Amino acid sequence: MINEIIKYAQGVGVEQDVLAWINTHLKPRLEKDKPEQSEVEHIIDYFASDKRPKRIGKMSYEQAKNNTDK
């Protein structure tokens, strides 16, 4: 599933820091809880938008989800 998510993220034009976030924060979450694909895509869409925070490196999955839901 992580390869599909990376392809999706690249397809929507995310920056390198988002790809790094996927590997450091999302990948372990996928192995642990298996969130729904639509939830993950929604977070990635948020990271691809102009409303995303500048620094996401330390943002947890929960923080990203909460920010996305706002």
PDB file of N, CA and C in Angstrom:
ATOM      1  N   MET A   1       0.813  -1.195   0.000  1.00  0.00           N
ATOM      2  CA  MET A   1       0.000   0.000   0.000  1.00  0.00           C
ATOM      3  C   MET A   1       0.866   1.273   0.000  1.00  0.00           C
ATOM      4  N   ILE A   2       2.029   1.221   0.632  1.00  0.00           N
ATOM      5  CA  ILE A   2       2.875   2.422   0.714  1.00  0.00           C
ATOM      6  C   ILE A   2       3.318   2.873  -0.674  1.00  0.00           C
ATOM      7  N   ASN A   3       3.580   1.929  -1.568  1.00  0.00           N
ATOM      8  CA  ASN A   3       3.984   2.305  -2.929  1.00  0.00           C
ATOM      9  C   ASN A   3       2.854   3.025  -3.658  1.00  0.00           C
ATOM     10  N   GLU A   4       1.622   2.567  -3.437  1.00  0.00           N
ATOM     11  CA  GLU A   4       0.458   3.225  -4.045  1.00  0.00           C
ATOM     12  C   GLU A   4       0.306   4.641  -3.511  1.00  0.00           C
ATOM     13  N   ILE A   5       0.542   4.811  -2.227  1.00  0.00           N
ATOM     14  CA  ILE A   5       0.414   6.133  -1.609  1.00  0.00           C
ATOM     15  C   ILE A   5       1.487   7.076  -2.135  1.00  0.00           C
ATOM     16  N   ILE A   6       2.697   6.580  -2.276  1.00  0.00           N
ATOM     17  CA  ILE A   6       3.779   7.415  -2.814  1.00  0.00           C
ATOM     18  C   ILE A   6       3.463   7.822  -4.251  1.00  0.00           C
ATOM     19  N   LYS A   7       2.962   6.895  -5.046  1.00  0.00           N
ATOM     20  CA  LYS A   7       2.572   7.224  -6.426  1.00  0.00           C
ATOM     21  C   LYS A   7       1.467   8.272  -6.434  1.00  0.00           C
ATOM     22  N   TYR A   8       0.491   8.115  -5.532  1.00  0.00           N
ATOM     23  CA  TYR A   8      -0.597   9.093  -5.442  1.00  0.00           C
ATOM     24  C   TYR A   8      -0.034  10.465  -5.080  1.00  0.00           C
ATOM     25  N   ALA A   9       0.836  10.494  -4.081  1.00  0.00           N
ATOM     26  CA  ALA A   9       1.428  11.752  -3.624  1.00  0.00           C
ATOM     27  C   ALA A   9       2.211  12.429  -4.753  1.00  0.00           C
ATOM     28  N   GLN A  10       2.988  11.660  -5.484  1.00  0.00           N
ATOM     29  CA  GLN A  10       3.736  12.219  -6.605  1.00  0.00           C
ATOM     30  C   GLN A  10       2.787  12.718  -7.688  1.00  0.00           C
ATOM     31  N   GLY A  11       1.682  12.023  -7.865  1.00  0.00           N
ATOM     32  CA  GLY A  11       0.700  12.408  -8.872  1.00  0.00           C
ATOM     33  C   GLY A  11       0.017  13.736  -8.585  1.00  0.00           C
ATOM     34  N   VAL A  12      -0.151  14.048  -7.296  1.00  0.00           N
ATOM     35  CA  VAL A  12      -0.771  15.333  -6.950  1.00  0.00           C
ATOM     36  C   VAL A  12       0.267  16.425  -6.762  1.00  0.00           C
ATOM     37  N   GLY A  13       1.532  16.085  -6.946  1.00  0.00           N
ATOM     38  CA  GLY A  13       2.589  17.081  -6.967  1.00  0.00           C
ATOM     39  C   GLY A  13       3.088  17.559  -5.617  1.00  0.00           C
ATOM     40  N   VAL A  14       3.195  16.656  -4.649  1.00  0.00           N
ATOM     41  CA  VAL A  14       3.712  17.060  -3.340  1.00  0.00           C
ATOM     42  C   VAL A  14       5.209  17.328  -3.415  1.00  0.00           C
ATOM     43  N   GLU A  15       5.699  18.060  -2.433  1.00  0.00           N
ATOM     44  CA  GLU A  15       7.123  18.359  -2.351  1.00  0.00           C
ATOM     45  C   GLU A  15       7.854  17.217  -1.651  1.00  0.00           C
ATOM     46  N   GLN A  16       9.184  17.269  -1.711  1.00  0.00           N
ATOM     47  CA  GLN A  16      10.016  16.200  -1.132  1.00  0.00           C
ATOM     48  C   GLN A  16       9.776  15.994   0.359  1.00  0.00           C
ATOM     49  N   ASP A  17       9.478  17.073   1.094  1.00  0.00           N
ATOM     50  CA  ASP A  17       9.267  16.915   2.530  1.00  0.00           C
ATOM     51  C   ASP A  17       8.040  16.072   2.832  1.00  0.00           C
ATOM     52  N   VAL A  18       7.063  16.092   1.935  1.00  0.00           N
ATOM     53  CA  VAL A  18       5.872  15.251   2.125  1.00  0.00           C
ATOM     54  C   VAL A  18       6.239  13.785   1.906  1.00  0.00           C
ATOM     55  N   LEU A  19       7.044  13.512   0.910  1.00  0.00           N
ATOM     56  CA  LEU A  19       7.483  12.135   0.684  1.00  0.00           C
ATOM     57  C   LEU A  19       8.292  11.632   1.872  1.00  0.00           C
ATOM     58  N   ALA A  20       9.105  12.488   2.452  1.00  0.00           N
ATOM     59  CA  ALA A  20       9.858  12.111   3.651  1.00  0.00           C
ATOM     60  C   ALA A  20       8.901  11.846   4.811  1.00  0.00           C
ATOM     61  N   TRP A  21       7.872  12.685   4.963  1.00  0.00           N
ATOM     62  CA  TRP A  21       6.872  12.496   6.014  1.00  0.00           C
ATOM     63  C   TRP A  21       6.155  11.158   5.835  1.00  0.00           C
ATOM     64  N   ILE A  22       5.844  10.816   4.608  1.00  0.00           N
ATOM     65  CA  ILE A  22       5.176   9.536   4.327  1.00  0.00           C
ATOM     66  C   ILE A  22       6.033   8.382   4.843  1.00  0.00           C
ATOM     67  N   ASN A  23       7.320   8.442   4.578  1.00  0.00           N
ATOM     68  CA  ASN A  23       8.206   7.354   4.994  1.00  0.00           C
ATOM     69  C   ASN A  23       8.452   7.321   6.496  1.00  0.00           C
ATOM     70  N   THR A  24       8.511   8.477   7.132  1.00  0.00           N
ATOM     71  CA  THR A  24       8.835   8.485   8.558  1.00  0.00           C
ATOM     72  C   THR A  24       7.624   8.409   9.477  1.00  0.00           C
ATOM     73  N   HIS A  25       6.489   8.952   9.054  1.00  0.00           N
ATOM     74  CA  HIS A  25       5.319   8.993   9.935  1.00  0.00           C
ATOM     75  C   HIS A  25       4.150   8.132   9.450  1.00  0.00           C
ATOM     76  N   LEU A  26       3.916   8.144   8.165  1.00  0.00           N
ATOM     77  CA  LEU A  26       2.766   7.406   7.647  1.00  0.00           C
ATOM     78  C   LEU A  26       3.040   5.915   7.542  1.00  0.00           C
ATOM     79  N   LYS A  27       4.200   5.557   7.060  1.00  0.00           N
ATOM     80  CA  LYS A  27       4.523   4.141   6.877  1.00  0.00           C
ATOM     81  C   LYS A  27       4.366   3.334   8.170  1.00  0.00           C
ATOM     82  N   PRO A  28       4.925   3.796   9.304  1.00  0.00           N
ATOM     83  CA  PRO A  28       4.708   3.035  10.546  1.00  0.00           C
ATOM     84  C   PRO A  28       3.235   2.975  10.947  1.00  0.00           C
ATOM     85  N   ARG A  29       2.492   4.050  10.670  1.00  0.00           N
ATOM     86  CA  ARG A  29       1.066   4.072  11.000  1.00  0.00           C
ATOM     87  C   ARG A  29       0.302   3.046  10.168  1.00  0.00           C
ATOM     88  N   LEU A  30       0.671   2.920   8.905  1.00  0.00           N
ATOM     89  CA  LEU A  30       0.015   1.944   8.039  1.00  0.00           C
ATOM     90  C   LEU A  30       0.254   0.521   8.528  1.00  0.00           C
ATOM     91  N   GLU A  31       1.455   0.275   9.021  1.00  0.00           N
ATOM     92  CA  GLU A  31       1.779  -1.058   9.520  1.00  0.00           C
ATOM     93  C   GLU A  31       1.064  -1.357  10.832  1.00  0.00           C
ATOM     94  N   LYS A  32       0.793  -0.319  11.608  1.00  0.00           N
ATOM     95  CA  LYS A  32       0.192  -0.478  12.925  1.00  0.00           C
ATOM     96  C   LYS A  32      -1.338  -0.532  12.873  1.00  0.00           C
ATOM     97  N   ASP A  33      -1.961   0.491  12.263  1.00  0.00           N
ATOM     98  CA  ASP A  33      -3.414   0.649  12.357  1.00  0.00           C
ATOM     99  C   ASP A  33      -4.189   0.417  11.065  1.00  0.00           C
ATOM    100  N   LYS A  34      -3.527   0.521   9.938  1.00  0.00           N
ATOM    101  CA  LYS A  34      -4.181   0.383   8.637  1.00  0.00           C
ATOM    102  C   LYS A  34      -5.370   1.348   8.470  1.00  0.00           C
ATOM    103  N   PRO A  35      -5.091   2.669   8.436  1.00  0.00           N
ATOM    104  CA  PRO A  35      -6.175   3.631   8.215  1.00  0.00           C
ATOM    105  C   PRO A  35      -6.747   3.470   6.818  1.00  0.00           C
ATOM    106  N   GLU A  36      -7.955   3.976   6.633  1.00  0.00           N
ATOM    107  CA  GLU A  36      -8.605   3.871   5.328  1.00  0.00           C
ATOM    108  C   GLU A  36      -7.836   4.677   4.284  1.00  0.00           C
ATOM    109  N   GLN A  37      -7.830   4.176   3.079  1.00  0.00           N
ATOM    110  CA  GLN A  37      -7.096   4.824   1.999  1.00  0.00           C
ATOM    111  C   GLN A  37      -7.624   6.235   1.755  1.00  0.00           C
ATOM    112  N   SER A  38      -8.929   6.428   1.851  1.00  0.00           N
ATOM    113  CA  SER A  38      -9.486   7.762   1.610  1.00  0.00           C
ATOM    114  C   SER A  38      -8.981   8.767   2.644  1.00  0.00           C
ATOM    115  N   GLU A  39      -8.802   8.325   3.899  1.00  0.00           N
ATOM    116  CA  GLU A  39      -8.276   9.199   4.949  1.00  0.00           C
ATOM    117  C   GLU A  39      -6.842   9.615   4.632  1.00  0.00           C
ATOM    118  N   VAL A  40      -6.051   8.653   4.209  1.00  0.00           N
ATOM    119  CA  VAL A  40      -4.651   8.921   3.869  1.00  0.00           C
ATOM    120  C   VAL A  40      -4.571   9.857   2.663  1.00  0.00           C
ATOM    121  N   GLU A  41      -5.366   9.618   1.657  1.00  0.00           N
ATOM    122  CA  GLU A  41      -5.366  10.473   0.471  1.00  0.00           C
ATOM    123  C   GLU A  41      -5.802  11.892   0.814  1.00  0.00           C
ATOM    124  N   HIS A  42      -6.737  12.015   1.757  1.00  0.00           N
ATOM    125  CA  HIS A  42      -7.201  13.329   2.182  1.00  0.00           C
ATOM    126  C   HIS A  42      -6.055  14.117   2.836  1.00  0.00           C
ATOM    127  N   ILE A  43      -5.257  13.442   3.645  1.00  0.00           N
ATOM    128  CA  ILE A  43      -4.100  14.079   4.277  1.00  0.00           C
ATOM    129  C   ILE A  43      -3.089  14.509   3.207  1.00  0.00           C
ATOM    130  N   ILE A  44      -2.839  13.645   2.254  1.00  0.00           N
ATOM    131  CA  ILE A  44      -1.891  13.975   1.187  1.00  0.00           C
ATOM    132  C   ILE A  44      -2.403  15.154   0.356  1.00  0.00           C
ATOM    133  N   ASP A  45      -3.697  15.176   0.086  1.00  0.00           N
ATOM    134  CA  ASP A  45      -4.270  16.314  -0.637  1.00  0.00           C
ATOM    135  C   ASP A  45      -4.067  17.609   0.149  1.00  0.00           C
ATOM    136  N   TYR A  46      -4.225  17.532   1.457  1.00  0.00           N
ATOM    137  CA  TYR A  46      -3.988  18.696   2.318  1.00  0.00           C
ATOM    138  C   TYR A  46      -2.533  19.140   2.218  1.00  0.00           C
ATOM    139  N   PHE A  47      -1.615  18.189   2.247  1.00  0.00           N
ATOM    140  CA  PHE A  47      -0.188  18.517   2.141  1.00  0.00           C
ATOM    141  C   PHE A  47       0.165  19.077   0.768  1.00  0.00           C
ATOM    142  N   ALA A  48      -0.618  18.764  -0.239  1.00  0.00           N
ATOM    143  CA  ALA A  48      -0.371  19.287  -1.587  1.00  0.00           C
ATOM    144  C   ALA A  48      -0.993  20.672  -1.774  1.00  0.00           C
ATOM    145  N   SER A  49      -1.830  21.100  -0.833  1.00  0.00           N
ATOM    146  CA  SER A  49      -2.534  22.371  -0.965  1.00  0.00           C
ATOM    147  C   SER A  49      -1.684  23.540  -0.464  1.00  0.00           C
ATOM    148  N   ASP A  50      -2.166  24.738  -0.728  1.00  0.00           N
ATOM    149  CA  ASP A  50      -1.462  25.927  -0.251  1.00  0.00           C
ATOM    150  C   ASP A  50      -1.768  26.223   1.217  1.00  0.00           C
ATOM    151  N   LYS A  51      -2.630  25.426   1.843  1.00  0.00           N
ATOM    152  CA  LYS A  51      -2.997  25.626   3.251  1.00  0.00           C
ATOM    153  C   LYS A  51      -2.149  24.804   4.212  1.00  0.00           C
ATOM    154  N   ARG A  52      -1.263  24.006   3.681  1.00  0.00           N
ATOM    155  CA  ARG A  52      -0.456  23.133   4.538  1.00  0.00           C
ATOM    156  C   ARG A  52       0.590  23.937   5.291  1.00  0.00           C
ATOM    157  N   PRO A  53       0.995  23.449   6.458  1.00  0.00           N
ATOM    158  CA  PRO A  53       2.073  24.131   7.178  1.00  0.00           C
ATOM    159  C   PRO A  53       3.396  23.997   6.427  1.00  0.00           C
ATOM    160  N   LYS A  54       4.281  24.929   6.673  1.00  0.00           N
ATOM    161  CA  LYS A  54       5.581  24.904   5.994  1.00  0.00           C
ATOM    162  C   LYS A  54       6.448  23.753   6.481  1.00  0.00           C
ATOM    163  N   ARG A  55       6.389  23.475   7.773  1.00  0.00           N
ATOM    164  CA  ARG A  55       7.214  22.407   8.354  1.00  0.00           C
ATOM    165  C   ARG A  55       6.331  21.264   8.810  1.00  0.00           C
ATOM    166  N   ILE A  56       6.503  20.130   8.186  1.00  0.00           N
ATOM    167  CA  ILE A  56       5.686  18.973   8.558  1.00  0.00           C
ATOM    168  C   ILE A  56       6.527  17.821   9.090  1.00  0.00           C
ATOM    169  N   GLY A  57       7.831  17.999   9.120  1.00  0.00           N
ATOM    170  CA  GLY A  57       8.740  16.920   9.496  1.00  0.00           C
ATOM    171  C   GLY A  57       8.449  16.282  10.838  1.00  0.00           C
ATOM    172  N   LYS A  58       8.027  17.079  11.809  1.00  0.00           N
ATOM    173  CA  LYS A  58       7.756  16.550  13.151  1.00  0.00           C
ATOM    174  C   LYS A  58       6.272  16.342  13.412  1.00  0.00           C
ATOM    175  N   MET A  59       5.448  16.586  12.414  1.00  0.00           N
ATOM    176  CA  MET A  59       4.008  16.445  12.582  1.00  0.00           C
ATOM    177  C   MET A  59       3.623  14.968  12.632  1.00  0.00           C
ATOM    178  N   SER A  60       2.901  14.597  13.661  1.00  0.00           N
ATOM    179  CA  SER A  60       2.450  13.214  13.793  1.00  0.00           C
ATOM    180  C   SER A  60       1.287  12.952  12.829  1.00  0.00           C
ATOM    181  N   TYR A  61       0.964  11.689  12.680  1.00  0.00           N
ATOM    182  CA  TYR A  61      -0.179  11.326  11.845  1.00  0.00           C
ATOM    183  C   TYR A  61      -1.447  11.951  12.406  1.00  0.00           C
ATOM    184  N   GLU A  62      -1.624  11.885  13.722  1.00  0.00           N
ATOM    185  CA  GLU A  62      -2.821  12.442  14.353  1.00  0.00           C
ATOM    186  C   GLU A  62      -2.917  13.947  14.138  1.00  0.00           C
ATOM    187  N   GLN A  63      -1.804  14.649  14.263  1.00  0.00           N
ATOM    188  CA  GLN A  63      -1.813  16.087  14.018  1.00  0.00           C
ATOM    189  C   GLN A  63      -2.181  16.384  12.564  1.00  0.00           C
ATOM    190  N   ALA A  64      -1.624  15.631  11.651  1.00  0.00           N
ATOM    191  CA  ALA A  64      -1.941  15.829  10.235  1.00  0.00           C
ATOM    192  C   ALA A  64      -3.414  15.570   9.976  1.00  0.00           C
ATOM    193  N   LYS A  65      -3.947  14.518  10.564  1.00  0.00           N
ATOM    194  CA  LYS A  65      -5.368  14.196  10.391  1.00  0.00           C
ATOM    195  C   LYS A  65      -6.246  15.297  10.968  1.00  0.00           C
ATOM    196  N   ASN A  66      -5.909  15.779  12.155  1.00  0.00           N
ATOM    197  CA  ASN A  66      -6.692  16.848  12.782  1.00  0.00           C
ATOM    198  C   ASN A  66      -6.641  18.135  11.965  1.00  0.00           C
ATOM    199  N   ASN A  67      -5.459  18.489  11.467  1.00  0.00           N
ATOM    200  CA  ASN A  67      -5.342  19.689  10.632  1.00  0.00           C
ATOM    201  C   ASN A  67      -6.136  19.535   9.343  1.00  0.00           C
ATOM    202  N   THR A  68      -6.128  18.357   8.788  1.00  0.00           N
ATOM    203  CA  THR A  68      -6.869  18.094   7.555  1.00  0.00           C
ATOM    204  C   THR A  68      -8.361  18.232   7.788  1.00  0.00           C
ATOM    205  N   ASP A  69      -8.823  17.768   8.940  1.00  0.00           N
ATOM    206  CA  ASP A  69     -10.255  17.818   9.249  1.00  0.00           C
ATOM    207  C   ASP A  69     -10.759  19.234   9.507  1.00  0.00           C
ATOM    208  N   LYS A  70      -9.844  20.154   9.826  1.00  0.00           N
ATOM    209  CA  LYS A  70     -10.254  21.550  10.089  1.00  0.00           C
ATOM    210  C   LYS A  70     -10.697  22.164   8.828  1.00  0.00           C
TER     211      LYS A  70
END
